[in-house]
Amino acid sequence: MDNEREHWINSKAYALWEEAGRPEGQHRNHWTQADEEWEKINQARISPAAANVFDEGDKWEDCPQP
């Protein structure tokens, strides 16, 4: 797992855990949910439909990141 992805998933899973009231034994569920959200975000970033939103001169680096 690359560093950016791992950091994002860790942070998101922690936030989900806190939002849920810090329940014990739910870390795998929060990690899975965060991982699925990462995948959805990144599929949208590279999908042909998403690519059509940008002009040829635009760069992915200039776009907001998750």
Protein backbone atom coordinates (compact mmCIF):
# COMPACT_ATOMS: atom_id res chain seq x y z
CA MET A 1 0.00 0.00 0.00
CA ASP A 2 1.47 3.36 -0.94
CA ASN A 3 2.14 5.95 1.73
CA GLU A 4 -0.53 8.47 0.65
CA ARG A 5 -3.23 5.80 0.49
CA GLU A 6 -2.26 4.27 3.82
CA HIS A 7 -2.21 7.67 5.54
CA TRP A 8 -5.61 8.64 4.11
CA ILE A 9 -7.22 5.31 5.08
CA ASN A 10 -5.74 5.45 8.60
CA SER A 11 -7.04 8.98 9.11
CA LYS A 12 -10.47 8.21 7.69
CA ALA A 13 -10.84 4.98 9.68
CA TYR A 14 -9.92 6.85 12.86
CA ALA A 15 -12.48 9.56 12.11
CA LEU A 16 -15.16 6.93 11.46
CA TRP A 17 -14.30 5.23 14.76
CA GLU A 18 -14.57 8.52 16.64
CA GLU A 19 -17.88 9.38 14.93
CA ALA A 20 -19.25 6.00 15.98
CA GLY A 21 -18.44 6.71 19.63
CA ARG A 22 -15.13 4.79 19.74
CA PRO A 23 -16.64 1.30 19.94
CA GLU A 24 -14.32 -1.58 20.80
CA GLY A 25 -13.78 -4.32 18.24
CA GLN A 26 -14.99 -2.31 15.22
CA HIS A 27 -11.61 -1.34 13.77
CA ARG A 28 -11.87 -3.76 10.84
CA ASN A 29 -15.28 -2.35 9.83
CA HIS A 30 -13.98 1.22 9.90
CA TRP A 31 -10.83 0.27 8.01
CA THR A 32 -12.90 -1.53 5.35
CA GLN A 33 -15.26 1.42 4.98
CA ALA A 34 -12.33 3.85 4.65
CA ASP A 35 -10.64 1.58 2.09
CA GLU A 36 -13.85 1.38 0.04
CA GLU A 37 -14.20 5.16 0.11
CA TRP A 38 -10.59 5.55 -1.07
CA GLU A 39 -11.27 3.18 -3.96
CA LYS A 40 -14.43 5.05 -5.00
CA ILE A 41 -12.65 8.40 -4.91
CA ASN A 42 -9.74 7.11 -6.96
CA GLN A 43 -11.90 5.29 -9.49
CA ALA A 44 -13.67 8.59 -10.13
CA ARG A 45 -10.33 10.34 -10.55
CA ILE A 46 -9.30 8.08 -13.43
CA SER A 47 -12.63 7.19 -15.01
CA PRO A 48 -13.29 8.36 -18.58
CA ALA A 49 -16.30 10.32 -17.33
CA ALA A 50 -14.12 12.20 -14.84
CA ALA A 51 -11.47 12.83 -17.47
CA ASN A 52 -14.01 14.60 -19.69
CA VAL A 53 -14.59 17.23 -17.00
CA PHE A 54 -11.13 18.72 -17.46
CA ASP A 55 -9.64 20.65 -20.34
CA GLU A 56 -6.55 19.25 -21.96
CA GLY A 57 -4.41 21.92 -20.26
CA ASP A 58 -5.61 21.06 -16.76
CA LYS A 59 -3.38 19.00 -14.49
CA TRP A 60 -4.50 16.50 -11.85
CA GLU A 61 -2.08 18.16 -9.42
CA ASP A 62 -4.18 21.36 -9.61
CA CYS A 63 -7.33 19.53 -8.56
CA PRO A 64 -8.46 19.07 -4.93
CA GLN A 65 -7.17 15.85 -3.43
CA PRO A 66 -9.05 13.53 -1.06
